[in-house]
Every structure is written in C-alpha cells, then in structure tokens.
Amino acid sequence: MESRQPESLSGRFLSLTIGSEEFGLPLTSVREVIALPTITPIPFCPSHFLGIINLRGKIIPIIDLRLKFGFKANSSPETTVIICEFEDQCLGAVVDSVNSVITADSPDTAEVPSVTDNKLADFIIGVYKTDKRLVLLMNLAKALNIEDRRSIAEAIKAETAA
C-alpha cells in the first residue's frame, strides 16, 4: 500500500475522544476548550452543523464532530467544545471528551497508509502509537467539505448582518 506524505507528525496535540476513537488535534490550532454552551441553530444547514455561539463578542460556528464522523451524539458531563483557529476562521467542534496534551515524536508516529473509500483518511495526517492505544492525528480544516465551509460562512454573514 502507498503512503501519503504527512504534514507534521511531531509536536504537541490535544488528545480527544469522538465515539470510540481517540484523535489528536495540533495544539497550535486549539484556541481554548469550553463547556457545551447554548447554541443558536441555523436553519437549512447540514445536520452536523449545530449553529452558532457568541463567545466574548465573536460569533463562532459550531459543528458536532461526532455526527460529522458518523458516531452517535450522546451528551454527557464530559461533552466539550474545542475552539479552533485555522486559515482565517474560528470554529467550535463538539467532542465527547478532552483527554490530555500529548507530545508526538517521530519514533512514535507513523504515516497513514492509503485507504480507499475511507472518509477519515482525507484528513488524518498520521497515527501516534503508545503501548496501549493509537491516536489518529487530524487536520480539522481538511475535515470540512465545501458545503460545511459554505454553511459556516453564511451563518457568520447572516449573524453579523443582523
């Protein structure tokens, strides 16, 4: 099997749980972690786009990564929103829980083998290996498709115009 060239497989990652899987987001893209707030829904958006929040005067779109990735969205006291910055936008991502900050070094990471018909493979940049588990390192910006980006842009535009 072929391997794709990774972006950056070393550095610090925020370890989080979505469904039964553990993922890692580059810590450089994480702005803050907050409790699940009241979310204002936006009509006619994809089901995983929950709506928007006002976070200290800034409108932040919120997506549910559990729904986006095909997992069941069960809320618990551990359910959290990770506020991320990438490119020119801020985005809140709902996850089941935040675990810890991990430091991935080259010997402990591996490239993702090419997999056909796997939606996750497009934005998984690598795998961090420990003795007991594997953490899928991801690029959140690549997880958003064109429809997601359009919904986010329209929601922010509509809210700032009001």
C-alpha atoms as a PDB file:
ATOM      1  CA  MET A   1       0.000   0.000   0.000  1.00  0.00           C
ATOM      2  CA  GLU A   2       1.118   3.535  -0.729  1.00  0.00           C
ATOM      3  CA  SER A   3       1.593   6.110   1.996  1.00  0.00           C
ATOM      4  CA  ARG A   4       0.716   9.765   1.718  1.00  0.00           C
ATOM      5  CA  GLN A   5       3.281  12.398   2.668  1.00  0.00           C
ATOM      6  CA  PRO A   6       2.400  13.632   6.171  1.00  0.00           C
ATOM      7  CA  GLU A   7       2.033  17.275   7.140  1.00  0.00           C
ATOM      8  CA  SER A   8       3.698  17.283  10.551  1.00  0.00           C
ATOM      9  CA  LEU A   9       3.732  14.156  12.620  1.00  0.00           C
ATOM     10  CA  SER A  10       5.632  15.575  15.543  1.00  0.00           C
ATOM     11  CA  GLY A  11       4.675  18.204  18.054  1.00  0.00           C
ATOM     12  CA  ARG A  12       2.027  18.687  20.693  1.00  0.00           C
ATOM     13  CA  PHE A  13      -1.533  17.509  20.147  1.00  0.00           C
ATOM     14  CA  LEU A  14      -4.737  17.803  22.149  1.00  0.00           C
ATOM     15  CA  SER A  15      -5.987  14.253  22.669  1.00  0.00           C
ATOM     16  CA  LEU A  16      -9.781  13.933  22.440  1.00  0.00           C
ATOM     17  CA  THR A  17     -12.398  11.232  22.163  1.00  0.00           C
ATOM     18  CA  ILE A  18     -15.075  11.018  19.489  1.00  0.00           C
ATOM     19  CA  GLY A  19     -17.245   7.938  19.769  1.00  0.00           C
ATOM     20  CA  SER A  20     -14.924   5.049  20.481  1.00  0.00           C
ATOM     21  CA  GLU A  21     -11.893   6.606  18.775  1.00  0.00           C
ATOM     22  CA  GLU A  22      -9.111   8.813  20.088  1.00  0.00           C
ATOM     23  CA  PHE A  23      -7.967  11.721  17.922  1.00  0.00           C
ATOM     24  CA  GLY A  24      -5.289  14.369  18.215  1.00  0.00           C
ATOM     25  CA  LEU A  25      -5.608  17.997  17.092  1.00  0.00           C
ATOM     26  CA  PRO A  26      -2.426  20.076  16.674  1.00  0.00           C
ATOM     27  CA  LEU A  27      -2.202  22.228  19.779  1.00  0.00           C
ATOM     28  CA  THR A  28      -1.235  25.202  17.613  1.00  0.00           C
ATOM     29  CA  SER A  29      -4.759  25.234  16.130  1.00  0.00           C
ATOM     30  CA  VAL A  30      -6.568  24.982  19.509  1.00  0.00           C
ATOM     31  CA  ARG A  31      -7.571  28.341  20.968  1.00  0.00           C
ATOM     32  CA  GLU A  32      -9.486  27.111  24.019  1.00  0.00           C
ATOM     33  CA  VAL A  33     -11.708  24.381  25.418  1.00  0.00           C
ATOM     34  CA  ILE A  34     -15.138  25.288  26.808  1.00  0.00           C
ATOM     35  CA  ALA A  35     -18.159  23.534  28.283  1.00  0.00           C
ATOM     36  CA  LEU A  36     -21.024  22.865  25.893  1.00  0.00           C
ATOM     37  CA  PRO A  37     -22.871  26.229  25.648  1.00  0.00           C
ATOM     38  CA  THR A  38     -26.343  27.114  24.437  1.00  0.00           C
ATOM     39  CA  ILE A  39     -26.156  27.029  20.650  1.00  0.00           C
ATOM     40  CA  THR A  40     -28.353  29.125  18.346  1.00  0.00           C
ATOM     41  CA  PRO A  41     -29.449  26.830  15.497  1.00  0.00           C
ATOM     42  CA  ILE A  42     -29.250  27.974  11.884  1.00  0.00           C
ATOM     43  CA  PRO A  43     -31.913  26.556   9.531  1.00  0.00           C
ATOM     44  CA  PHE A  44     -31.134  24.674   6.318  1.00  0.00           C
ATOM     45  CA  CYS A  45     -27.651  23.567   7.361  1.00  0.00           C
ATOM     46  CA  PRO A  46     -26.148  20.065   7.409  1.00  0.00           C
ATOM     47  CA  SER A  47     -27.185  18.067  10.488  1.00  0.00           C
ATOM     48  CA  HIS A  48     -23.677  18.147  11.984  1.00  0.00           C
ATOM     49  CA  PHE A  49     -23.640  21.967  11.825  1.00  0.00           C
ATOM     50  CA  LEU A  50     -25.315  22.766  15.135  1.00  0.00           C
ATOM     51  CA  GLY A  51     -25.401  26.559  14.795  1.00  0.00           C
ATOM     52  CA  ILE A  52     -23.510  29.474  16.301  1.00  0.00           C
ATOM     53  CA  ILE A  53     -22.494  30.839  19.680  1.00  0.00           C
ATOM     54  CA  ASN A  54     -21.436  34.273  20.878  1.00  0.00           C
ATOM     55  CA  LEU A  55     -18.094  33.850  22.620  1.00  0.00           C
ATOM     56  CA  ARG A  56     -16.990  37.131  24.171  1.00  0.00           C
ATOM     57  CA  GLY A  57     -18.488  39.136  21.306  1.00  0.00           C
ATOM     58  CA  LYS A  58     -17.256  36.904  18.497  1.00  0.00           C
ATOM     59  CA  ILE A  59     -19.651  34.695  16.505  1.00  0.00           C
ATOM     60  CA  ILE A  60     -18.330  31.125  16.390  1.00  0.00           C
ATOM     61  CA  PRO A  61     -19.904  28.388  14.236  1.00  0.00           C
ATOM     62  CA  ILE A  62     -20.259  25.031  15.997  1.00  0.00           C
ATOM     63  CA  ILE A  63     -20.075  21.619  14.342  1.00  0.00           C
ATOM     64  CA  ASP A  64     -20.569  18.262  16.019  1.00  0.00           C
ATOM     65  CA  LEU A  65     -17.611  16.117  15.024  1.00  0.00           C
ATOM     66  CA  ARG A  66     -19.404  13.057  16.369  1.00  0.00           C
ATOM     67  CA  LEU A  67     -22.161  13.470  13.768  1.00  0.00           C
ATOM     68  CA  LYS A  68     -19.713  14.553  11.075  1.00  0.00           C
ATOM     69  CA  PHE A  69     -17.719  11.349  11.567  1.00  0.00           C
ATOM     70  CA  GLY A  70     -20.803   9.105  11.775  1.00  0.00           C
ATOM     71  CA  PHE A  71     -20.779   8.468  15.533  1.00  0.00           C
ATOM     72  CA  LYS A  72     -23.756   8.736  17.868  1.00  0.00           C
ATOM     73  CA  ALA A  73     -24.015  12.100  19.641  1.00  0.00           C
ATOM     74  CA  ASN A  74     -24.552  11.283  23.309  1.00  0.00           C
ATOM     75  CA  SER A  75     -24.190  14.263  25.625  1.00  0.00           C
ATOM     76  CA  SER A  76     -22.557  13.744  28.992  1.00  0.00           C
ATOM     77  CA  PRO A  77     -20.812  15.943  31.540  1.00  0.00           C
ATOM     78  CA  GLU A  78     -17.613  15.262  29.564  1.00  0.00           C
ATOM     79  CA  THR A  79     -19.028  16.671  26.285  1.00  0.00           C
ATOM     80  CA  THR A  80     -16.847  19.617  25.320  1.00  0.00           C
ATOM     81  CA  VAL A  81     -16.388  22.245  22.633  1.00  0.00           C
ATOM     82  CA  ILE A  82     -12.902  22.846  21.301  1.00  0.00           C
ATOM     83  CA  ILE A  83     -12.493  26.315  19.794  1.00  0.00           C
ATOM     84  CA  CYS A  84     -10.022  26.026  16.911  1.00  0.00           C
ATOM     85  CA  GLU A  85      -8.425  28.570  14.610  1.00  0.00           C
ATOM     86  CA  PHE A  86      -7.352  27.688  11.111  1.00  0.00           C
ATOM     87  CA  GLU A  87      -6.861  29.663   7.950  1.00  0.00           C
ATOM     88  CA  ASP A  88      -8.947  32.798   8.538  1.00  0.00           C
ATOM     89  CA  GLN A  89     -11.722  31.295  10.672  1.00  0.00           C
ATOM     90  CA  CYS A  90     -12.623  30.202  14.158  1.00  0.00           C
ATOM     91  CA  LEU A  91     -14.697  27.075  14.652  1.00  0.00           C
ATOM     92  CA  GLY A  92     -16.117  25.215  17.628  1.00  0.00           C
ATOM     93  CA  ALA A  93     -16.018  21.432  17.462  1.00  0.00           C
ATOM     94  CA  VAL A  94     -18.160  19.312  19.803  1.00  0.00           C
ATOM     95  CA  VAL A  95     -16.407  16.152  21.016  1.00  0.00           C
ATOM     96  CA  ASP A  96     -17.208  13.500  23.610  1.00  0.00           C
ATOM     97  CA  SER A  97     -14.266  14.401  25.848  1.00  0.00           C
ATOM     98  CA  VAL A  98     -10.843  16.019  26.012  1.00  0.00           C
ATOM     99  CA  ASN A  99      -8.189  13.723  27.430  1.00  0.00           C
ATOM    100  CA  SER A 100      -4.758  15.345  27.640  1.00  0.00           C
ATOM    101  CA  VAL A 101      -1.967  17.015  25.735  1.00  0.00           C
ATOM    102  CA  ILE A 102       0.362  14.527  24.080  1.00  0.00           C
ATOM    103  CA  THR A 103       3.778  15.085  22.593  1.00  0.00           C
ATOM    104  CA  ALA A 104       4.210  13.061  19.438  1.00  0.00           C
ATOM    105  CA  ASP A 105       7.807  12.411  18.430  1.00  0.00           C
ATOM    106  CA  SER A 106       8.928  10.898  15.156  1.00  0.00           C
ATOM    107  CA  PRO A 107       9.696   7.415  16.530  1.00  0.00           C
ATOM    108  CA  ASP A 108       6.170   7.182  17.958  1.00  0.00           C
ATOM    109  CA  THR A 109       4.329   8.341  14.834  1.00  0.00           C
ATOM    110  CA  ALA A 110       3.559   6.766  11.506  1.00  0.00           C
ATOM    111  CA  GLU A 111       2.129   7.872   8.211  1.00  0.00           C
ATOM    112  CA  VAL A 112      -1.389   6.819   7.305  1.00  0.00           C
ATOM    113  CA  PRO A 113      -1.468   4.132   4.629  1.00  0.00           C
ATOM    114  CA  SER A 114      -3.616   4.972   1.611  1.00  0.00           C
ATOM    115  CA  VAL A 115      -7.093   3.618   2.159  1.00  0.00           C
ATOM    116  CA  THR A 116      -9.821   3.730  -0.443  1.00  0.00           C
ATOM    117  CA  ASP A 117     -13.426   4.628   0.438  1.00  0.00           C
ATOM    118  CA  ASN A 118     -12.461   5.924   3.873  1.00  0.00           C
ATOM    119  CA  LYS A 119     -13.727   9.451   4.608  1.00  0.00           C
ATOM    120  CA  LEU A 120     -11.409   9.786   7.590  1.00  0.00           C
ATOM    121  CA  ALA A 121      -8.282   9.128   5.534  1.00  0.00           C
ATOM    122  CA  ASP A 122      -8.563  12.525   3.827  1.00  0.00           C
ATOM    123  CA  PHE A 123      -7.858  14.493   6.999  1.00  0.00           C
ATOM    124  CA  ILE A 124      -5.987  12.015   9.176  1.00  0.00           C
ATOM    125  CA  ILE A 125      -2.358  13.132   8.894  1.00  0.00           C
ATOM    126  CA  GLY A 126      -0.772  10.380  10.935  1.00  0.00           C
ATOM    127  CA  VAL A 127      -1.001   7.918  13.779  1.00  0.00           C
ATOM    128  CA  TYR A 128       0.594   8.319  17.209  1.00  0.00           C
ATOM    129  CA  LYS A 129       1.441   4.967  18.796  1.00  0.00           C
ATOM    130  CA  THR A 130       1.622   4.244  22.511  1.00  0.00           C
ATOM    131  CA  ASP A 131       1.901   0.899  24.279  1.00  0.00           C
ATOM    132  CA  LYS A 132      -1.864   0.607  24.712  1.00  0.00           C
ATOM    133  CA  ARG A 133      -3.554   2.733  22.057  1.00  0.00           C
ATOM    134  CA  LEU A 134      -3.401   4.507  18.717  1.00  0.00           C
ATOM    135  CA  VAL A 135      -4.257   8.201  18.396  1.00  0.00           C
ATOM    136  CA  LEU A 136      -5.371   9.414  14.961  1.00  0.00           C
ATOM    137  CA  LEU A 137      -3.731  12.794  14.291  1.00  0.00           C
ATOM    138  CA  MET A 138      -6.009  15.026  12.251  1.00  0.00           C
ATOM    139  CA  ASN A 139      -6.185  18.281  10.341  1.00  0.00           C
ATOM    140  CA  LEU A 140      -9.617  19.720  11.192  1.00  0.00           C
ATOM    141  CA  ALA A 141      -9.616  22.126   8.233  1.00  0.00           C
ATOM    142  CA  LYS A 142      -9.432  19.168   5.840  1.00  0.00           C
ATOM    143  CA  ALA A 143     -12.386  17.506   7.586  1.00  0.00           C
ATOM    144  CA  LEU A 144     -14.670  20.301   6.399  1.00  0.00           C
ATOM    145  CA  ASN A 145     -16.064  19.910   2.911  1.00  0.00           C
ATOM    146  CA  ILE A 146     -17.255  22.716   0.637  1.00  0.00           C
ATOM    147  CA  GLU A 147     -20.825  22.501   1.972  1.00  0.00           C
ATOM    148  CA  ASP A 148     -19.526  22.843   5.550  1.00  0.00           C
ATOM    149  CA  ARG A 149     -17.452  25.891   4.665  1.00  0.00           C
ATOM    150  CA  ARG A 150     -20.381  27.481   2.828  1.00  0.00           C
ATOM    151  CA  SER A 151     -22.727  26.893   5.780  1.00  0.00           C
ATOM    152  CA  ILE A 152     -20.210  28.389   8.193  1.00  0.00           C
ATOM    153  CA  ALA A 153     -19.628  31.451   6.016  1.00  0.00           C
ATOM    154  CA  GLU A 154     -23.358  32.029   5.501  1.00  0.00           C
ATOM    155  CA  ALA A 155     -24.118  31.666   9.220  1.00  0.00           C
ATOM    156  CA  ILE A 156     -21.470  34.198  10.186  1.00  0.00           C
ATOM    157  CA  LYS A 157     -22.538  36.583   7.427  1.00  0.00           C
ATOM    158  CA  ALA A 158     -26.230  36.380   8.449  1.00  0.00           C
ATOM    159  CA  GLU A 159     -25.447  36.898  12.147  1.00  0.00           C
ATOM    160  CA  THR A 160     -23.115  39.850  11.603  1.00  0.00           C
ATOM    161  CA  ALA A 161     -25.649  41.494   9.271  1.00  0.00           C
ATOM    162  CA  ALA A 162     -28.410  41.271  11.933  1.00  0.00           C
END
